[in-house]
Amino acid sequence: MSLKPILSSLALLLPSIALADAMNEHMVDPDDGQFDMSGYLSKVPSGFLPVPSLITEPAVGTGLALGALFFHESDEQRKQRTQGKALLPENISILGGAATENGTWAAAVGHLGFWLQDTVRYRGVLAYASPNLEFYSLPRTGELSKSVELNLKGPVVFQDLKYRLPGTKVFIGGRQLYRKVTSKLTHSPDLSRFPTAVQDFLQRQTDRSITTSGLGLVLEYDSRDNPFNPQKGYYYSSNYTVFDDSIGSDVDYASYQISGLNYWQLNDRWNLGLRLQMDAVNARGDKNLPPYVPPFIDLRGVPKSRYQGNRVGMAEVQLDYKLTPRWTLGAFTGTGRAADHVDQLGSAEVVNSYGTGFRYLITKRYGLVMGADIARGPEDTAVYIQTGSTW
């Protein structure tokens, strides 16, 4: 998993903050005189990066997210003065909450650990959420003539722990995903308008709590120069997770993901990025997987859960131009397909998106950027507030 699943709900603190704050000695970079929160985050004991954001995700409507990032350096790191190379703090803590106009809300705490001089990496999230999502297809029932909105309420726990093979850029480790979700139909829809198979599925899956508990393996290769804002390098990740009643899961299935992030620094001004990803689930005797289990096309401009399938493939390319050492403009486009079987991907509907955005280097010490993207998909246009690496 990249940083995105942890930071995506966190947002942008524009550098046009009040001038009084900008004059604070901890919020101005002595090298270029620009607004920078490196000194505040590294020198003030209670310092944190506040990240308010407007939400325009098509799947849940407009809303507001509030978050905070806490950077924890080791005693040795506090003595270091970075000279052109971003510092990777030992620990980063995350707090966040969000709510939108369609009744969706969520609260979460997270942690990133880069321990023992980055030989051990940890990522973890504990969240409680109540999203209202529209589903346009259901497992084993196919496409719906009209979408169904479900409320999915409950806790989610995700964590992984990886160890770097000595002298390499390869990490191996394990992961855990736990969800206990109660699904309910919203707005009391008339189910008689759906085929019998759909009615039966919804009656089985709603108004009951379903636990999905999985354990898996992770294999990664990471040569990026900075995980928060890569300029060059590669990040290839694969994981395989088994959900089974022996570890507390109410449904038995397996999921896997293979992804590749590629970053090329073309010259001092231009950077090119390419993302490739394949997600899949395999039912293991359970024909009625919960509707939120199958993966979906995850592209900017495309609503979450809009295009689902047991096999999903995606590709996205982004070209960035550095206006100044701090300001960057970018343009991107992506494509994806979703199907129930891998041999059907070639004939599946093609979903495209495109957009543009900007980034500002908010903490030079850590190489952390913030910014916003506007993206257009087949049905919607949306604005995304970004913190850290987009992918």
Protein backbone atom coordinates (compact mmCIF):
# COMPACT_ATOMS: atom_id res chain seq x y z
CA MET A 1 0.00 0.00 0.00
CA SER A 2 1.35 3.39 -0.85
CA LEU A 3 0.93 6.52 1.40
CA LYS A 4 -2.16 7.43 -0.46
CA PRO A 5 -4.66 5.12 1.51
CA ILE A 6 -3.54 6.88 4.80
CA LEU A 7 -3.13 10.53 3.54
CA SER A 8 -5.89 10.80 0.96
CA SER A 9 -8.41 12.21 3.46
CA LEU A 10 -5.85 14.77 4.61
CA ALA A 11 -5.56 18.00 2.68
CA LEU A 12 -4.05 21.27 1.70
CA LEU A 13 -2.88 24.13 3.88
CA LEU A 14 -2.32 26.81 1.23
CA PRO A 15 0.95 28.74 1.43
CA SER A 16 -1.11 31.93 1.31
CA ILE A 17 -1.62 31.58 5.08
CA ALA A 18 -1.82 34.79 7.09
CA LEU A 19 1.30 36.97 6.78
CA ALA A 20 1.67 37.11 10.53
CA ASP A 21 2.25 33.36 10.67
CA ALA A 22 4.56 33.48 7.68
CA MET A 23 6.80 35.87 9.58
CA ASN A 24 7.22 33.36 12.37
CA GLU A 25 10.85 32.29 12.49
CA HIS A 26 9.86 28.65 12.36
CA MET A 27 7.73 29.09 9.23
CA VAL A 28 10.22 30.77 6.90
CA ASP A 29 13.02 28.92 5.13
CA PRO A 30 16.26 30.83 5.83
CA ASP A 31 17.70 29.67 2.50
CA ASP A 32 15.06 31.13 0.16
CA GLY A 33 12.83 33.20 2.45
CA GLN A 34 9.74 31.21 1.41
CA PHE A 35 6.94 29.87 3.58
CA ASP A 36 8.06 26.52 4.96
CA MET A 37 6.95 24.57 8.04
CA SER A 38 10.11 22.49 8.44
CA GLY A 39 11.42 24.45 11.40
CA TYR A 40 8.06 24.46 13.16
CA LEU A 41 7.56 20.70 12.74
CA SER A 42 11.11 19.73 13.75
CA LYS A 43 11.83 22.26 16.53
CA VAL A 44 8.51 22.91 18.27
CA PRO A 45 7.70 19.92 20.56
CA SER A 46 3.95 20.14 19.96
CA GLY A 47 4.27 21.15 16.32
CA PHE A 48 1.96 19.54 13.79
CA LEU A 49 0.86 20.19 10.24
CA PRO A 50 -2.86 21.11 10.15
CA VAL A 51 -4.57 19.91 6.99
CA PRO A 52 -8.14 21.13 6.40
CA SER A 53 -9.75 20.18 3.10
CA LEU A 54 -12.87 20.46 1.03
CA ILE A 55 -14.13 17.09 -0.23
CA THR A 56 -15.58 16.86 -3.75
CA GLU A 57 -15.39 13.09 -4.22
CA PRO A 58 -18.29 12.19 -6.57
CA ALA A 59 -19.06 9.01 -4.65
CA VAL A 60 -19.94 10.82 -1.40
CA GLY A 61 -20.58 14.44 -2.42
CA THR A 62 -19.05 17.62 -1.05
CA GLY A 63 -17.85 17.91 2.52
CA LEU A 64 -15.02 18.84 4.86
CA ALA A 65 -12.03 16.92 6.19
CA LEU A 66 -9.77 17.97 9.06
CA GLY A 67 -6.47 16.35 9.87
CA ALA A 68 -3.09 16.73 11.54
CA LEU A 69 0.35 15.28 10.82
CA PHE A 70 2.91 14.90 13.62
CA PHE A 71 6.56 14.31 12.63
CA HIS A 72 8.70 12.56 15.25
CA GLU A 73 12.46 12.63 14.69
CA SER A 74 15.04 10.65 16.61
CA ASP A 75 17.55 12.52 18.81
CA GLU A 76 20.18 11.97 16.13
CA GLN A 77 17.94 13.28 13.37
CA ARG A 78 17.16 16.48 15.30
CA LYS A 79 20.84 17.40 15.13
CA GLN A 80 20.99 16.97 11.36
CA ARG A 81 20.75 19.84 8.92
CA THR A 82 19.49 18.62 5.57
CA GLN A 83 21.42 19.80 2.54
CA GLY A 84 19.41 19.08 -0.58
CA LYS A 85 18.27 15.63 0.53
CA ALA A 86 14.98 15.12 2.36
CA LEU A 87 15.09 13.58 5.81
CA LEU A 88 12.94 10.53 6.56
CA PRO A 89 11.63 10.86 10.15
CA GLU A 90 11.45 7.75 12.29
CA ASN A 91 7.73 8.18 12.99
CA ILE A 92 4.75 10.09 11.59
CA SER A 93 1.41 10.13 13.43
CA ILE A 94 -1.86 11.04 11.74
CA LEU A 95 -5.25 12.17 13.06
CA GLY A 96 -8.21 12.89 10.82
CA GLY A 97 -11.94 13.18 10.44
CA ALA A 98 -14.37 13.91 7.60
CA ALA A 99 -18.05 14.42 6.83
CA THR A 100 -19.98 15.02 3.60
CA GLU A 101 -23.40 16.20 2.46
CA ASN A 102 -24.76 12.70 1.77
CA GLY A 103 -24.32 11.67 5.43
CA THR A 104 -20.92 10.04 5.08
CA TRP A 105 -18.55 10.50 8.02
CA ALA A 106 -15.31 8.98 9.26
CA ALA A 107 -12.62 9.33 11.93
CA ALA A 108 -9.17 7.77 11.85
CA VAL A 109 -5.75 7.56 13.48
CA GLY A 110 -2.70 6.32 11.65
CA HIS A 111 1.02 5.80 12.04
CA LEU A 112 4.03 5.44 9.75
CA GLY A 113 7.27 4.06 11.11
CA PHE A 114 10.70 4.02 9.47
CA TRP A 115 12.69 2.25 12.13
CA LEU A 116 16.28 1.11 12.65
CA GLN A 117 17.60 3.43 9.93
CA ASP A 118 14.79 2.42 7.57
CA THR A 119 15.41 -1.31 7.82
CA VAL A 120 11.94 -1.87 9.29
CA ARG A 121 8.80 -0.12 8.02
CA TYR A 122 5.39 -0.06 9.65
CA ARG A 123 2.04 1.34 8.45
CA GLY A 124 -1.17 1.22 10.41
CA VAL A 125 -4.65 2.74 10.39
CA LEU A 126 -7.53 2.43 12.84
CA ALA A 127 -10.74 3.99 11.55
CA TYR A 128 -14.45 4.05 12.17
CA ALA A 129 -16.49 5.07 9.16
CA SER A 130 -20.06 5.34 7.96
CA PRO A 131 -19.93 5.99 4.19
CA ASN A 132 -22.98 6.08 1.96
CA LEU A 133 -21.90 4.64 -1.38
CA GLU A 134 -23.72 3.91 -4.60
CA PHE A 135 -23.16 0.50 -6.19
CA TYR A 136 -23.79 -0.05 -9.89
CA SER A 137 -23.10 -3.78 -9.83
CA LEU A 138 -23.23 -6.54 -7.22
CA PRO A 139 -21.20 -9.74 -6.87
CA ARG A 140 -22.71 -12.63 -8.84
CA THR A 141 -25.63 -10.49 -10.02
CA GLY A 142 -23.95 -8.30 -12.65
CA GLU A 143 -24.73 -4.75 -13.69
CA LEU A 144 -27.78 -3.04 -12.18
CA SER A 145 -30.33 -1.09 -14.19
CA LYS A 146 -30.23 1.53 -11.45
CA SER A 147 -27.69 2.08 -8.69
CA VAL A 148 -28.26 1.03 -5.08
CA GLU A 149 -27.02 3.20 -2.21
CA LEU A 150 -25.77 1.39 0.87
CA ASN A 151 -24.61 2.66 4.23
CA LEU A 152 -21.52 0.73 5.36
CA LYS A 153 -20.82 1.37 9.04
CA GLY A 154 -18.13 -0.11 11.23
CA PRO A 155 -14.47 -0.25 12.29
CA VAL A 156 -11.54 -0.90 9.99
CA VAL A 157 -8.02 -1.94 11.00
CA PHE A 158 -5.14 -2.13 8.56
CA GLN A 159 -1.46 -2.65 9.28
CA ASP A 160 1.64 -4.06 7.71
CA LEU A 161 5.20 -4.63 8.91
CA LYS A 162 8.11 -5.11 6.52
CA TYR A 163 11.79 -5.90 6.88
CA ARG A 164 14.49 -4.79 4.43
CA LEU A 165 16.71 -7.58 3.13
CA PRO A 166 20.27 -6.59 4.10
CA GLY A 167 22.07 -4.51 1.50
CA THR A 168 19.06 -4.35 -0.86
CA LYS A 169 16.02 -2.22 -1.68
CA VAL A 170 13.71 -5.23 -1.19
CA PHE A 171 11.24 -5.52 1.70
CA ILE A 172 9.31 -8.59 2.82
CA GLY A 173 6.66 -8.79 5.52
CA GLY A 174 3.07 -9.39 6.53
CA ARG A 175 -0.20 -7.48 6.53
CA GLN A 176 -3.55 -7.54 8.32
CA LEU A 177 -6.94 -6.21 7.25
CA TYR A 178 -9.97 -6.37 9.55
CA ARG A 179 -13.43 -4.93 8.86
CA LYS A 180 -16.71 -5.37 10.71
CA VAL A 181 -19.35 -3.73 8.55
CA THR A 182 -23.08 -3.38 8.97
CA SER A 183 -24.73 -2.73 5.59
CA LYS A 184 -28.07 -0.99 5.28
CA LEU A 185 -30.09 0.26 2.35
CA THR A 186 -30.56 4.01 2.42
CA HIS A 187 -33.66 5.98 1.40
CA SER A 188 -35.90 2.84 1.70
CA PRO A 189 -35.76 1.96 -2.01
CA ASP A 190 -38.42 -0.12 -3.75
CA LEU A 191 -36.65 -3.46 -4.28
CA SER A 192 -39.43 -4.73 -6.53
CA ARG A 193 -37.87 -2.80 -9.40
CA PHE A 194 -34.88 -5.15 -9.29
CA PRO A 195 -34.64 -8.76 -10.53
CA THR A 196 -35.25 -11.51 -8.00
CA ALA A 197 -31.54 -12.38 -7.80
CA VAL A 198 -30.70 -8.80 -6.81
CA GLN A 199 -33.50 -8.70 -4.22
CA ASP A 200 -32.27 -11.96 -2.67
CA PHE A 201 -28.67 -10.70 -2.56
CA LEU A 202 -29.61 -7.43 -0.85
CA GLN A 203 -31.80 -9.19 1.69
CA ARG A 204 -28.91 -11.50 2.60
CA GLN A 205 -26.26 -8.77 2.76
CA THR A 206 -28.11 -5.91 4.48
CA ASP A 207 -29.19 -5.30 8.07
CA ARG A 208 -26.51 -7.62 9.38
CA SER A 209 -22.92 -7.30 10.52
CA ILE A 210 -20.28 -9.05 8.39
CA THR A 211 -16.66 -9.47 9.47
CA THR A 212 -13.88 -9.80 6.91
CA SER A 213 -10.59 -10.70 8.57
CA GLY A 214 -7.47 -11.39 6.53
CA LEU A 215 -3.75 -12.04 6.89
CA GLY A 216 -1.29 -11.81 4.04
CA LEU A 217 2.24 -11.48 2.70
CA VAL A 218 3.91 -8.40 1.22
CA LEU A 219 6.85 -8.13 -1.16
CA GLU A 220 8.17 -4.70 -2.19
CA TYR A 221 11.02 -3.07 -4.09
CA ASP A 222 11.61 0.62 -3.34
CA SER A 223 14.33 2.74 -4.95
CA ARG A 224 12.48 6.10 -4.73
CA ASP A 225 14.57 9.06 -3.63
CA ASN A 226 11.75 10.23 -1.33
CA PRO A 227 8.47 8.42 -0.53
CA PHE A 228 6.66 11.73 0.11
CA ASN A 229 7.47 13.36 -3.24
CA PRO A 230 9.44 11.03 -5.54
CA GLN A 231 11.45 12.62 -8.33
CA LYS A 232 13.05 9.42 -9.55
CA GLY A 233 13.11 5.73 -8.73
CA TYR A 234 10.74 2.77 -8.68
CA TYR A 235 8.26 1.31 -6.21
CA TYR A 236 6.92 -2.16 -7.03
CA SER A 237 4.61 -3.87 -4.57
CA SER A 238 2.68 -7.11 -4.42
CA ASN A 239 0.53 -8.57 -1.68
CA TYR A 240 -1.63 -11.65 -1.23
CA THR A 241 -4.20 -11.80 1.58
CA VAL A 242 -6.36 -14.72 2.70
CA PHE A 243 -9.68 -14.17 4.48
CA ASP A 244 -10.79 -17.28 6.37
CA ASP A 245 -13.11 -18.32 9.19
CA SER A 246 -10.09 -19.65 11.09
CA ILE A 247 -8.99 -16.04 11.65
CA GLY A 248 -12.47 -14.67 12.34
CA SER A 249 -13.78 -13.94 8.84
CA ASP A 250 -17.45 -14.54 8.03
CA VAL A 251 -16.64 -14.92 4.32
CA ASP A 252 -13.79 -16.89 2.75
CA TYR A 253 -11.89 -15.38 -0.16
CA ALA A 254 -8.44 -14.22 -1.22
CA SER A 255 -7.29 -10.91 -2.64
CA TYR A 256 -4.11 -9.82 -4.35
CA GLN A 257 -2.65 -6.64 -5.76
CA ILE A 258 0.32 -5.99 -8.02
CA SER A 259 1.35 -2.38 -8.57
CA GLY A 260 4.27 -0.49 -10.05
CA LEU A 261 5.11 3.19 -9.62
CA ASN A 262 7.77 4.57 -11.94
CA TYR A 263 9.36 8.01 -11.64
CA TRP A 264 11.79 9.51 -14.15
CA GLN A 265 13.57 12.86 -13.79
CA LEU A 266 13.81 13.94 -17.41
CA ASN A 267 15.81 17.10 -16.61
CA ASP A 268 15.90 19.88 -14.00
CA ARG A 269 12.34 20.97 -14.89
CA TRP A 270 10.42 17.94 -16.16
CA ASN A 271 9.39 14.75 -14.37
CA LEU A 272 7.40 11.80 -15.70
CA GLY A 273 5.47 9.24 -13.65
CA LEU A 274 3.75 6.01 -14.62
CA ARG A 275 1.45 3.92 -12.42
CA LEU A 276 0.39 0.35 -13.30
CA GLN A 277 -1.91 -1.70 -11.09
CA MET A 278 -3.87 -4.95 -11.08
CA ASP A 279 -6.34 -5.84 -8.28
CA ALA A 280 -8.26 -9.10 -7.92
CA VAL A 281 -10.35 -11.23 -5.57
CA ASN A 282 -11.00 -14.97 -5.68
CA ALA A 283 -14.01 -16.36 -3.84
CA ARG A 284 -13.21 -19.53 -1.90
CA GLY A 285 -16.58 -21.22 -1.60
CA ASP A 286 -18.37 -17.97 -0.82
CA LYS A 287 -20.53 -16.97 -3.76
CA ASN A 288 -22.00 -13.95 -2.00
CA LEU A 289 -19.13 -11.63 -1.20
CA PRO A 290 -20.15 -8.31 0.37
CA PRO A 291 -20.55 -5.60 -2.30
CA TYR A 292 -17.59 -3.60 -0.97
CA VAL A 293 -15.10 -6.48 -1.34
CA PRO A 294 -14.55 -6.56 -5.14
CA PRO A 295 -11.98 -3.97 -6.24
CA PHE A 296 -12.91 -0.92 -8.30
CA ILE A 297 -11.26 1.39 -10.81
CA ASP A 298 -9.38 3.90 -8.67
CA LEU A 299 -8.61 6.95 -10.80
CA ARG A 300 -8.95 10.65 -10.14
CA GLY A 301 -12.26 11.79 -11.62
CA VAL A 302 -13.94 8.37 -11.29
CA PRO A 303 -16.32 7.83 -8.32
CA LYS A 304 -15.28 5.13 -5.87
CA SER A 305 -17.11 1.81 -6.43
CA ARG A 306 -18.55 3.06 -9.74
CA TYR A 307 -16.77 0.40 -11.85
CA GLN A 308 -16.18 -2.87 -10.00
CA GLY A 309 -15.14 -6.38 -10.89
CA ASN A 310 -13.24 -9.39 -9.61
CA ARG A 311 -10.36 -8.28 -11.86
CA VAL A 312 -9.43 -4.61 -12.27
CA GLY A 313 -6.55 -3.18 -14.27
CA MET A 314 -5.42 0.46 -14.27
CA ALA A 315 -2.72 2.67 -15.78
CA GLU A 316 -2.05 6.34 -15.13
CA VAL A 317 0.63 8.71 -16.42
CA GLN A 318 1.56 12.13 -15.07
CA LEU A 319 3.88 14.81 -16.45
CA ASP A 320 5.12 17.53 -14.06
CA TYR A 321 6.82 20.84 -14.78
CA LYS A 322 8.74 22.58 -12.00
CA LEU A 323 8.05 26.31 -12.16
CA THR A 324 10.34 27.01 -9.20
CA PRO A 325 12.06 24.79 -6.63
CA ARG A 326 8.79 24.92 -4.65
CA TRP A 327 5.96 25.19 -7.21
CA THR A 328 5.09 22.40 -9.66
CA LEU A 329 2.37 22.10 -12.28
CA GLY A 330 1.18 18.71 -13.55
CA ALA A 331 -1.10 17.07 -16.09
CA PHE A 332 -2.30 13.48 -15.97
CA THR A 333 -4.47 10.92 -17.68
CA GLY A 334 -5.52 7.42 -16.72
CA THR A 335 -7.42 4.42 -17.99
CA GLY A 336 -8.91 1.33 -16.40
CA ARG A 337 -11.03 -1.75 -17.02
CA ALA A 338 -13.05 -3.97 -14.68
CA ALA A 339 -14.35 -7.50 -15.34
CA ASP A 340 -15.26 -10.67 -13.49
CA HIS A 341 -12.54 -12.74 -15.19
CA VAL A 342 -9.09 -11.83 -16.43
CA ASP A 343 -9.83 -13.05 -19.96
CA GLN A 344 -12.72 -10.57 -20.10
CA LEU A 345 -10.59 -7.50 -19.40
CA GLY A 346 -9.71 -7.07 -23.07
CA SER A 347 -13.37 -6.61 -24.02
CA ALA A 348 -14.47 -4.73 -20.88
CA GLU A 349 -15.60 -1.12 -20.95
CA VAL A 350 -12.70 1.35 -21.05
CA VAL A 351 -12.88 4.06 -18.36
CA ASN A 352 -10.72 7.13 -18.99
CA SER A 353 -9.94 10.22 -16.95
CA TYR A 354 -7.71 13.26 -17.28
CA GLY A 355 -6.84 16.38 -15.32
CA THR A 356 -4.32 18.90 -14.06
CA GLY A 357 -3.03 20.16 -10.73
CA PHE A 358 -0.30 21.85 -8.74
CA ARG A 359 1.99 21.14 -5.77
CA TYR A 360 3.85 23.32 -3.27
CA LEU A 361 6.87 22.13 -1.26
CA ILE A 362 5.53 22.86 2.23
CA THR A 363 8.34 21.20 4.24
CA LYS A 364 11.72 21.13 2.51
CA ARG A 365 13.25 19.18 5.42
CA TYR A 366 11.00 16.19 4.70
CA GLY A 367 10.33 16.82 1.02
CA LEU A 368 6.57 16.91 1.70
CA VAL A 369 4.33 18.62 -0.85
CA MET A 370 0.70 19.75 -0.77
CA GLY A 371 -1.56 20.72 -3.61
CA ALA A 372 -4.77 20.11 -5.52
CA ASP A 373 -5.94 18.30 -8.67
CA ILE A 374 -9.01 18.78 -10.83
CA ALA A 375 -9.98 15.66 -12.78
CA ARG A 376 -12.66 14.70 -15.28
CA GLY A 377 -14.01 11.17 -15.64
CA PRO A 378 -16.81 9.69 -17.77
CA GLU A 379 -19.54 11.19 -15.58
CA ASP A 380 -18.08 13.72 -13.16
CA THR A 381 -15.53 16.45 -12.55
CA ALA A 382 -13.94 16.51 -9.10
CA VAL A 383 -11.33 18.42 -7.12
CA TYR A 384 -8.86 16.48 -4.98
CA ILE A 385 -6.71 17.93 -2.22
CA GLN A 386 -3.41 16.08 -2.10
CA THR A 387 -0.88 15.65 0.70
CA GLY A 388 2.33 13.81 -0.08
CA SER A 389 2.78 11.57 -3.08
CA THR A 390 -0.33 11.28 -5.27
CA TRP A 391 0.20 7.53 -5.70
